[in-house]
N, C-alpha and C. Protein backbone atom coordinates (compact mmCIF):
# COMPACT_ATOMS: atom_id res chain seq x y z
N MET A 1 -38.71 -13.72 -20.42
CA MET A 1 -38.52 -13.77 -18.99
C MET A 1 -37.10 -14.26 -18.70
N TYR A 2 -36.47 -13.68 -17.69
CA TYR A 2 -35.09 -14.03 -17.33
C TYR A 2 -35.10 -14.99 -16.15
N TRP A 3 -34.42 -16.10 -16.29
CA TRP A 3 -34.30 -17.08 -15.20
C TRP A 3 -32.85 -17.14 -14.76
N ARG A 4 -32.66 -17.07 -13.47
CA ARG A 4 -31.30 -17.18 -12.93
C ARG A 4 -30.90 -18.64 -12.84
N LYS A 5 -29.64 -18.87 -13.13
CA LYS A 5 -29.14 -20.23 -13.04
C LYS A 5 -28.99 -20.66 -11.58
N PHE A 6 -28.64 -19.71 -10.72
CA PHE A 6 -28.46 -19.99 -9.30
C PHE A 6 -29.32 -19.04 -8.49
N ASP A 7 -29.78 -19.52 -7.35
CA ASP A 7 -30.53 -18.69 -6.43
C ASP A 7 -29.57 -17.66 -5.83
N PRO A 8 -29.92 -16.35 -5.81
CA PRO A 8 -28.99 -15.35 -5.28
C PRO A 8 -28.72 -15.51 -3.78
N GLU A 9 -29.60 -16.21 -3.07
CA GLU A 9 -29.40 -16.41 -1.64
C GLU A 9 -28.46 -17.59 -1.35
N VAL A 10 -28.37 -18.52 -2.29
CA VAL A 10 -27.53 -19.70 -2.11
C VAL A 10 -26.43 -19.67 -3.16
N PRO A 11 -25.17 -19.56 -2.74
CA PRO A 11 -24.08 -19.50 -3.72
C PRO A 11 -23.92 -20.83 -4.44
N PRO A 12 -23.41 -20.79 -5.67
CA PRO A 12 -23.20 -22.04 -6.40
C PRO A 12 -22.07 -22.85 -5.76
N GLU A 13 -22.14 -24.15 -5.93
CA GLU A 13 -21.11 -25.02 -5.37
C GLU A 13 -19.84 -24.89 -6.19
N VAL A 14 -18.71 -24.92 -5.50
CA VAL A 14 -17.42 -24.87 -6.17
C VAL A 14 -17.03 -26.29 -6.53
N ASP A 15 -16.70 -26.51 -7.77
CA ASP A 15 -16.33 -27.85 -8.22
C ASP A 15 -14.82 -28.03 -8.10
N ASP A 16 -14.36 -28.24 -6.86
CA ASP A 16 -12.93 -28.47 -6.64
C ASP A 16 -12.64 -29.91 -6.23
N GLY A 17 -13.65 -30.76 -6.31
CA GLY A 17 -13.46 -32.16 -6.00
C GLY A 17 -13.68 -32.50 -4.54
N SER A 18 -13.97 -31.51 -3.69
CA SER A 18 -14.19 -31.78 -2.27
C SER A 18 -15.68 -31.76 -1.98
N ASN A 19 -16.07 -32.42 -0.91
CA ASN A 19 -17.46 -32.44 -0.48
C ASN A 19 -17.57 -31.73 0.85
N GLU A 20 -18.41 -30.70 0.91
CA GLU A 20 -18.58 -29.93 2.13
C GLU A 20 -19.90 -30.30 2.78
N ASP A 21 -19.86 -30.53 4.08
CA ASP A 21 -21.07 -30.79 4.82
C ASP A 21 -21.77 -29.46 5.05
N VAL A 22 -23.04 -29.36 4.67
CA VAL A 22 -23.77 -28.09 4.72
C VAL A 22 -23.96 -27.62 6.15
N GLN A 23 -24.28 -28.54 7.09
CA GLN A 23 -24.54 -28.14 8.47
C GLN A 23 -23.27 -27.71 9.20
N THR A 24 -22.21 -28.50 9.09
CA THR A 24 -21.01 -28.22 9.88
C THR A 24 -19.97 -27.38 9.16
N GLY A 25 -20.01 -27.38 7.83
CA GLY A 25 -19.00 -26.64 7.07
C GLY A 25 -17.71 -27.41 6.92
N GLU A 26 -17.68 -28.66 7.42
CA GLU A 26 -16.48 -29.50 7.31
C GLU A 26 -16.31 -29.95 5.87
N ILE A 27 -15.08 -30.07 5.45
CA ILE A 27 -14.77 -30.47 4.09
C ILE A 27 -14.12 -31.84 4.12
N GLU A 28 -14.72 -32.78 3.40
CA GLU A 28 -14.17 -34.13 3.35
C GLU A 28 -12.86 -34.14 2.58
N GLY A 29 -11.89 -34.87 3.10
CA GLY A 29 -10.63 -35.04 2.37
C GLY A 29 -9.71 -33.84 2.41
N LYS A 30 -10.02 -32.84 3.20
CA LYS A 30 -9.15 -31.66 3.28
C LYS A 30 -8.75 -31.44 4.73
N GLU A 31 -7.48 -31.28 4.94
CA GLU A 31 -6.96 -30.98 6.27
C GLU A 31 -6.76 -29.47 6.38
N LYS A 32 -6.63 -28.99 7.59
CA LYS A 32 -6.41 -27.55 7.81
C LYS A 32 -5.10 -27.08 7.19
N GLU A 33 -4.07 -27.96 7.16
CA GLU A 33 -2.77 -27.56 6.62
C GLU A 33 -2.82 -27.32 5.12
N ASP A 34 -3.77 -27.95 4.43
CA ASP A 34 -3.87 -27.79 2.98
C ASP A 34 -4.35 -26.38 2.60
N ASP A 35 -5.02 -25.70 3.49
CA ASP A 35 -5.58 -24.39 3.21
C ASP A 35 -5.12 -23.40 4.28
N PRO A 36 -3.83 -22.99 4.26
CA PRO A 36 -3.31 -22.16 5.35
C PRO A 36 -3.96 -20.78 5.45
N HIS A 37 -4.46 -20.26 4.34
CA HIS A 37 -5.09 -18.93 4.37
C HIS A 37 -6.59 -19.02 4.57
N ASN A 38 -7.10 -20.25 4.75
CA ASN A 38 -8.51 -20.47 5.01
C ASN A 38 -9.38 -19.93 3.87
N LEU A 39 -8.93 -20.11 2.65
CA LEU A 39 -9.63 -19.58 1.48
C LEU A 39 -10.97 -20.25 1.26
N GLU A 40 -11.06 -21.54 1.55
CA GLU A 40 -12.32 -22.27 1.36
C GLU A 40 -13.42 -21.63 2.19
N GLU A 41 -13.11 -21.36 3.45
CA GLU A 41 -14.11 -20.81 4.35
C GLU A 41 -14.44 -19.35 4.03
N LYS A 42 -13.43 -18.59 3.62
CA LYS A 42 -13.63 -17.16 3.37
C LYS A 42 -14.25 -16.86 2.01
N PHE A 43 -13.84 -17.60 0.97
CA PHE A 43 -14.23 -17.22 -0.38
C PHE A 43 -14.96 -18.29 -1.17
N TYR A 44 -14.35 -19.46 -1.30
CA TYR A 44 -14.83 -20.47 -2.24
C TYR A 44 -16.24 -20.93 -1.94
N ARG A 45 -16.59 -21.04 -0.67
CA ARG A 45 -17.92 -21.53 -0.32
C ARG A 45 -19.01 -20.52 -0.69
N TYR A 46 -18.63 -19.27 -0.97
CA TYR A 46 -19.60 -18.25 -1.36
C TYR A 46 -19.65 -18.03 -2.86
N GLY A 47 -19.04 -18.93 -3.61
CA GLY A 47 -19.12 -18.86 -5.06
C GLY A 47 -18.03 -18.07 -5.74
N ILE A 48 -17.00 -17.67 -5.00
CA ILE A 48 -15.88 -16.94 -5.60
C ILE A 48 -14.90 -17.95 -6.15
N LYS A 49 -14.62 -17.85 -7.43
CA LYS A 49 -13.71 -18.80 -8.08
C LYS A 49 -12.26 -18.48 -7.71
N PRO A 50 -11.42 -19.51 -7.60
CA PRO A 50 -10.01 -19.27 -7.30
C PRO A 50 -9.31 -18.44 -8.37
N GLU A 51 -9.74 -18.57 -9.63
CA GLU A 51 -9.12 -17.81 -10.72
C GLU A 51 -9.35 -16.31 -10.56
N TRP A 52 -10.45 -15.93 -9.92
CA TRP A 52 -10.76 -14.51 -9.74
C TRP A 52 -9.81 -13.85 -8.76
N MET A 53 -9.04 -14.65 -8.04
CA MET A 53 -8.11 -14.12 -7.05
C MET A 53 -6.68 -14.16 -7.55
N GLN A 54 -6.50 -14.38 -8.87
CA GLN A 54 -5.17 -14.39 -9.47
C GLN A 54 -5.01 -13.15 -10.34
N VAL A 55 -3.86 -12.52 -10.24
CA VAL A 55 -3.60 -11.30 -11.00
C VAL A 55 -3.38 -11.65 -12.47
N ASN A 56 -4.12 -10.97 -13.35
CA ASN A 56 -3.90 -11.14 -14.79
C ASN A 56 -2.82 -10.18 -15.24
N ARG A 57 -3.01 -8.89 -14.93
CA ARG A 57 -1.99 -7.89 -15.24
C ARG A 57 -2.26 -6.60 -14.49
N VAL A 58 -1.26 -5.74 -14.45
CA VAL A 58 -1.39 -4.42 -13.83
C VAL A 58 -1.65 -3.42 -14.94
N LEU A 59 -2.67 -2.58 -14.76
CA LEU A 59 -3.09 -1.65 -15.80
C LEU A 59 -2.54 -0.24 -15.63
N HIS A 60 -2.44 0.23 -14.39
CA HIS A 60 -2.05 1.62 -14.13
C HIS A 60 -1.52 1.72 -12.70
N HIS A 61 -0.95 2.88 -12.38
CA HIS A 61 -0.45 3.08 -11.02
C HIS A 61 -0.71 4.51 -10.57
N ILE A 62 -0.67 4.70 -9.26
CA ILE A 62 -0.74 6.03 -8.64
C ILE A 62 0.34 6.06 -7.57
N CYS A 63 1.11 7.14 -7.54
CA CYS A 63 2.16 7.30 -6.53
C CYS A 63 1.66 8.28 -5.47
N TYR A 64 1.58 7.82 -4.22
CA TYR A 64 1.12 8.69 -3.14
C TYR A 64 2.27 9.44 -2.50
N GLN A 65 3.27 8.73 -2.09
CA GLN A 65 4.46 9.33 -1.51
C GLN A 65 5.64 8.66 -2.16
N LYS A 66 6.81 9.11 -1.80
CA LYS A 66 8.01 8.53 -2.37
C LYS A 66 8.07 7.03 -2.06
N GLY A 67 7.96 6.22 -3.09
CA GLY A 67 8.06 4.78 -2.93
C GLY A 67 6.77 4.07 -2.57
N GLN A 68 5.64 4.79 -2.44
CA GLN A 68 4.37 4.14 -2.14
C GLN A 68 3.46 4.23 -3.36
N TYR A 69 3.03 3.07 -3.83
CA TYR A 69 2.23 3.01 -5.04
C TYR A 69 0.96 2.19 -4.82
N ASP A 70 -0.07 2.56 -5.55
CA ASP A 70 -1.27 1.74 -5.69
C ASP A 70 -1.34 1.36 -7.16
N TYR A 71 -1.79 0.13 -7.43
CA TYR A 71 -1.86 -0.36 -8.79
C TYR A 71 -3.28 -0.79 -9.12
N LEU A 72 -3.70 -0.49 -10.34
CA LEU A 72 -4.99 -0.95 -10.84
C LEU A 72 -4.76 -2.35 -11.40
N VAL A 73 -5.40 -3.34 -10.78
CA VAL A 73 -5.15 -4.74 -11.10
C VAL A 73 -6.36 -5.33 -11.83
N LYS A 74 -6.08 -5.97 -12.96
CA LYS A 74 -7.11 -6.74 -13.66
C LYS A 74 -6.95 -8.18 -13.23
N TRP A 75 -8.04 -8.80 -12.80
CA TRP A 75 -8.03 -10.16 -12.29
C TRP A 75 -8.39 -11.15 -13.39
N LYS A 76 -7.86 -12.36 -13.31
CA LYS A 76 -8.14 -13.40 -14.31
C LYS A 76 -9.63 -13.72 -14.34
N GLU A 77 -10.14 -13.90 -15.54
CA GLU A 77 -11.53 -14.26 -15.81
C GLU A 77 -12.54 -13.21 -15.37
N LEU A 78 -12.11 -12.03 -15.00
CA LEU A 78 -13.03 -10.94 -14.68
C LEU A 78 -12.88 -9.85 -15.73
N MET A 79 -13.91 -9.05 -15.89
CA MET A 79 -13.91 -7.99 -16.88
C MET A 79 -13.09 -6.79 -16.37
N TYR A 80 -12.78 -5.89 -17.30
CA TYR A 80 -11.98 -4.72 -16.94
C TYR A 80 -12.72 -3.79 -15.98
N ASP A 81 -14.04 -3.77 -16.03
CA ASP A 81 -14.78 -2.90 -15.11
C ASP A 81 -14.75 -3.43 -13.68
N GLN A 82 -14.23 -4.63 -13.48
CA GLN A 82 -14.11 -5.19 -12.14
C GLN A 82 -12.66 -5.16 -11.64
N ALA A 83 -11.82 -4.39 -12.30
CA ALA A 83 -10.44 -4.21 -11.84
C ALA A 83 -10.46 -3.40 -10.55
N THR A 84 -9.50 -3.66 -9.67
CA THR A 84 -9.47 -2.99 -8.38
C THR A 84 -8.11 -2.35 -8.13
N TRP A 85 -8.09 -1.35 -7.25
CA TRP A 85 -6.85 -0.71 -6.83
C TRP A 85 -6.31 -1.46 -5.63
N GLU A 86 -5.04 -1.84 -5.71
CA GLU A 86 -4.40 -2.59 -4.63
C GLU A 86 -3.09 -1.91 -4.25
N ARG A 87 -2.76 -1.94 -2.95
CA ARG A 87 -1.49 -1.39 -2.46
C ARG A 87 -0.34 -2.26 -2.95
N ASP A 88 0.85 -1.67 -3.04
CA ASP A 88 2.00 -2.43 -3.53
C ASP A 88 2.55 -3.41 -2.50
N ASP A 89 2.13 -3.31 -1.24
CA ASP A 89 2.65 -4.20 -0.21
C ASP A 89 1.72 -5.39 0.07
N GLN A 90 0.70 -5.58 -0.76
CA GLN A 90 -0.21 -6.72 -0.60
C GLN A 90 0.51 -8.02 -0.92
N GLU A 91 0.20 -9.07 -0.20
CA GLU A 91 0.81 -10.38 -0.45
C GLU A 91 -0.17 -11.21 -1.26
N ILE A 92 -0.16 -10.99 -2.57
CA ILE A 92 -1.02 -11.70 -3.51
C ILE A 92 -0.10 -12.52 -4.41
N PRO A 93 -0.38 -13.81 -4.59
CA PRO A 93 0.50 -14.63 -5.45
C PRO A 93 0.59 -14.07 -6.87
N GLY A 94 1.81 -13.89 -7.35
CA GLY A 94 2.04 -13.40 -8.71
C GLY A 94 1.93 -11.90 -8.87
N TYR A 95 1.57 -11.18 -7.81
CA TYR A 95 1.35 -9.73 -7.89
C TYR A 95 2.65 -8.98 -8.14
N GLU A 96 3.70 -9.33 -7.38
CA GLU A 96 4.98 -8.64 -7.50
C GLU A 96 5.55 -8.79 -8.92
N GLU A 97 5.46 -9.99 -9.46
CA GLU A 97 5.96 -10.25 -10.81
C GLU A 97 5.21 -9.41 -11.85
N GLN A 98 3.90 -9.27 -11.68
CA GLN A 98 3.10 -8.48 -12.62
C GLN A 98 3.43 -6.98 -12.50
N ILE A 99 3.76 -6.53 -11.29
CA ILE A 99 4.17 -5.13 -11.11
C ILE A 99 5.46 -4.87 -11.88
N PHE A 100 6.41 -5.80 -11.79
CA PHE A 100 7.68 -5.63 -12.50
C PHE A 100 7.47 -5.65 -14.00
N LYS A 101 6.61 -6.54 -14.48
CA LYS A 101 6.31 -6.59 -15.92
C LYS A 101 5.68 -5.28 -16.37
N TYR A 102 4.80 -4.71 -15.53
CA TYR A 102 4.15 -3.44 -15.84
C TYR A 102 5.19 -2.33 -16.02
N TRP A 103 6.13 -2.23 -15.07
CA TRP A 103 7.13 -1.16 -15.13
C TRP A 103 8.06 -1.32 -16.32
N LEU A 104 8.47 -2.55 -16.62
CA LEU A 104 9.36 -2.78 -17.76
C LEU A 104 8.64 -2.48 -19.08
N HIS A 105 7.37 -2.87 -19.16
CA HIS A 105 6.58 -2.57 -20.36
C HIS A 105 6.39 -1.05 -20.50
N ARG A 106 6.10 -0.40 -19.39
CA ARG A 106 5.90 1.06 -19.42
C ARG A 106 7.17 1.78 -19.86
N GLU A 107 8.32 1.29 -19.41
CA GLU A 107 9.58 1.91 -19.79
C GLU A 107 9.84 1.74 -21.29
N ARG A 108 9.56 0.55 -21.81
CA ARG A 108 9.79 0.31 -23.24
C ARG A 108 8.86 1.15 -24.11
N ILE A 109 7.63 1.30 -23.69
CA ILE A 109 6.64 2.01 -24.51
C ILE A 109 6.77 3.52 -24.39
N THR A 110 6.82 4.05 -23.17
CA THR A 110 6.83 5.50 -22.97
C THR A 110 8.22 6.10 -22.89
N GLY A 111 9.23 5.28 -22.59
CA GLY A 111 10.59 5.79 -22.46
C GLY A 111 10.89 6.36 -21.09
N GLU A 112 9.91 6.31 -20.17
CA GLU A 112 10.15 6.79 -18.81
C GLU A 112 11.09 5.83 -18.09
N SER A 113 11.89 6.36 -17.19
CA SER A 113 12.75 5.47 -16.41
C SER A 113 11.95 4.88 -15.25
N VAL A 114 12.33 3.69 -14.85
CA VAL A 114 11.68 3.01 -13.73
C VAL A 114 12.15 3.67 -12.44
N PRO A 115 11.25 3.98 -11.49
CA PRO A 115 11.67 4.59 -10.22
C PRO A 115 12.69 3.72 -9.48
N LYS A 116 13.59 4.39 -8.76
CA LYS A 116 14.68 3.69 -8.08
C LYS A 116 14.17 2.67 -7.06
N ALA A 117 13.09 3.00 -6.37
CA ALA A 117 12.54 2.06 -5.38
C ALA A 117 12.07 0.77 -6.06
N ILE A 118 11.52 0.90 -7.25
CA ILE A 118 11.05 -0.27 -8.00
C ILE A 118 12.23 -1.05 -8.54
N VAL A 119 13.28 -0.35 -9.00
CA VAL A 119 14.48 -1.03 -9.51
C VAL A 119 15.10 -1.90 -8.41
N LYS A 120 15.15 -1.38 -7.18
CA LYS A 120 15.69 -2.15 -6.06
C LYS A 120 14.86 -3.42 -5.84
N LYS A 121 13.53 -3.27 -5.86
CA LYS A 121 12.66 -4.43 -5.67
C LYS A 121 12.83 -5.44 -6.79
N ILE A 122 12.97 -4.96 -8.03
CA ILE A 122 13.15 -5.86 -9.17
C ILE A 122 14.44 -6.65 -9.00
N ASN A 123 15.53 -5.98 -8.61
CA ASN A 123 16.81 -6.66 -8.45
C ASN A 123 16.80 -7.66 -7.30
N ILE A 124 16.12 -7.33 -6.21
CA ILE A 124 16.00 -8.27 -5.09
C ILE A 124 15.20 -9.49 -5.53
N TYR A 125 14.10 -9.25 -6.22
CA TYR A 125 13.26 -10.35 -6.71
C TYR A 125 14.03 -11.23 -7.70
N ALA A 126 14.82 -10.59 -8.58
CA ALA A 126 15.59 -11.34 -9.58
C ALA A 126 16.66 -12.20 -8.92
N SER A 127 17.32 -11.67 -7.88
CA SER A 127 18.35 -12.46 -7.21
C SER A 127 17.76 -13.64 -6.45
N GLU A 128 16.55 -13.47 -5.90
CA GLU A 128 15.90 -14.56 -5.17
C GLU A 128 15.37 -15.64 -6.10
N HIS A 129 14.86 -15.24 -7.27
CA HIS A 129 14.22 -16.18 -8.18
C HIS A 129 15.07 -16.54 -9.39
N GLY A 130 16.29 -16.06 -9.45
CA GLY A 130 17.21 -16.45 -10.51
C GLY A 130 16.95 -15.79 -11.85
N GLY A 131 16.28 -14.68 -11.87
CA GLY A 131 16.02 -13.97 -13.12
C GLY A 131 17.10 -12.94 -13.41
N PRO A 132 17.04 -12.32 -14.58
CA PRO A 132 18.04 -11.29 -14.92
C PRO A 132 17.79 -10.01 -14.12
N LYS A 133 18.88 -9.38 -13.69
CA LYS A 133 18.77 -8.13 -12.95
C LYS A 133 18.51 -6.98 -13.91
N TYR A 134 17.88 -5.95 -13.39
CA TYR A 134 17.57 -4.76 -14.17
C TYR A 134 18.79 -3.86 -14.18
N ASP A 135 19.26 -3.50 -15.36
CA ASP A 135 20.43 -2.64 -15.50
C ASP A 135 19.97 -1.32 -16.09
N GLU A 136 19.94 -0.29 -15.25
CA GLU A 136 19.43 1.01 -15.68
C GLU A 136 20.32 1.65 -16.74
N ASP A 137 21.64 1.50 -16.61
CA ASP A 137 22.56 2.08 -17.59
C ASP A 137 22.38 1.44 -18.96
N ASP A 138 22.16 0.13 -18.97
CA ASP A 138 21.94 -0.59 -20.22
C ASP A 138 20.67 -0.08 -20.92
N MET A 139 19.62 0.15 -20.13
CA MET A 139 18.36 0.64 -20.72
C MET A 139 18.53 2.06 -21.26
N LYS A 140 19.32 2.90 -20.58
CA LYS A 140 19.57 4.26 -21.06
C LYS A 140 20.31 4.23 -22.39
N LYS A 141 21.30 3.32 -22.50
CA LYS A 141 22.05 3.19 -23.75
C LYS A 141 21.13 2.76 -24.89
N LYS A 142 20.24 1.83 -24.62
CA LYS A 142 19.30 1.35 -25.65
C LYS A 142 18.38 2.48 -26.10
N ARG A 143 17.90 3.29 -25.15
CA ARG A 143 17.02 4.41 -25.50
C ARG A 143 17.77 5.44 -26.34
N LYS A 144 19.03 5.71 -25.96
CA LYS A 144 19.83 6.69 -26.68
C LYS A 144 20.12 6.19 -28.09
N LYS A 145 20.45 4.92 -28.22
CA LYS A 145 20.74 4.32 -29.52
C LYS A 145 19.50 4.36 -30.42
N ALA A 146 18.34 4.09 -29.85
CA ALA A 146 17.09 4.12 -30.63
C ALA A 146 16.76 5.54 -31.07
N ALA A 147 17.08 6.53 -30.24
CA ALA A 147 16.80 7.93 -30.60
C ALA A 147 17.73 8.41 -31.72
N GLU A 148 18.96 7.88 -31.74
CA GLU A 148 19.92 8.29 -32.77
C GLU A 148 19.66 7.62 -34.11
N LYS A 149 19.00 6.48 -34.11
CA LYS A 149 18.74 5.74 -35.33
C LYS A 149 17.79 6.52 -36.23
N PRO A 150 18.14 6.70 -37.48
CA PRO A 150 17.20 7.39 -38.37
C PRO A 150 16.04 6.47 -38.73
N SER A 151 14.88 7.04 -38.80
CA SER A 151 13.71 6.24 -39.18
C SER A 151 13.63 6.15 -40.70
N ILE A 152 13.18 5.03 -41.18
CA ILE A 152 13.07 4.81 -42.62
C ILE A 152 11.66 5.17 -43.05
N ASN A 153 11.57 6.09 -44.00
CA ASN A 153 10.25 6.51 -44.49
C ASN A 153 10.07 6.13 -45.92
């Protein structure tokens, strides 16, 4: 016989160190400024873990129009079958960085060039956060050099 750990009608309590009053929904020790996106009220009280809302990595993409992309996102602590498609303009913490990692990884593995719209975004992000800028000419030289190198058999 299978026994559920939690009643499906009552979500499990989130162990974040706060105490929520069941009748009023008020949270002890938390001010409204601490939760600007109101995540406690929208998600956490229904048993959704904060880790499930963090991007683990980007798996794939679809291009709809010039410069518009949707990405298949794998979320932390969730299985691959629970990955979701998200627009590229979503404001999710860490999402933009994972998109850039996806494109750079894809370029290294497949040899495809990164789209110009993405290169612009990468360079803007790098200048704001102090990272290295993407140099398309440098990557072309590396690809050409690797193609000219004889393989050792």
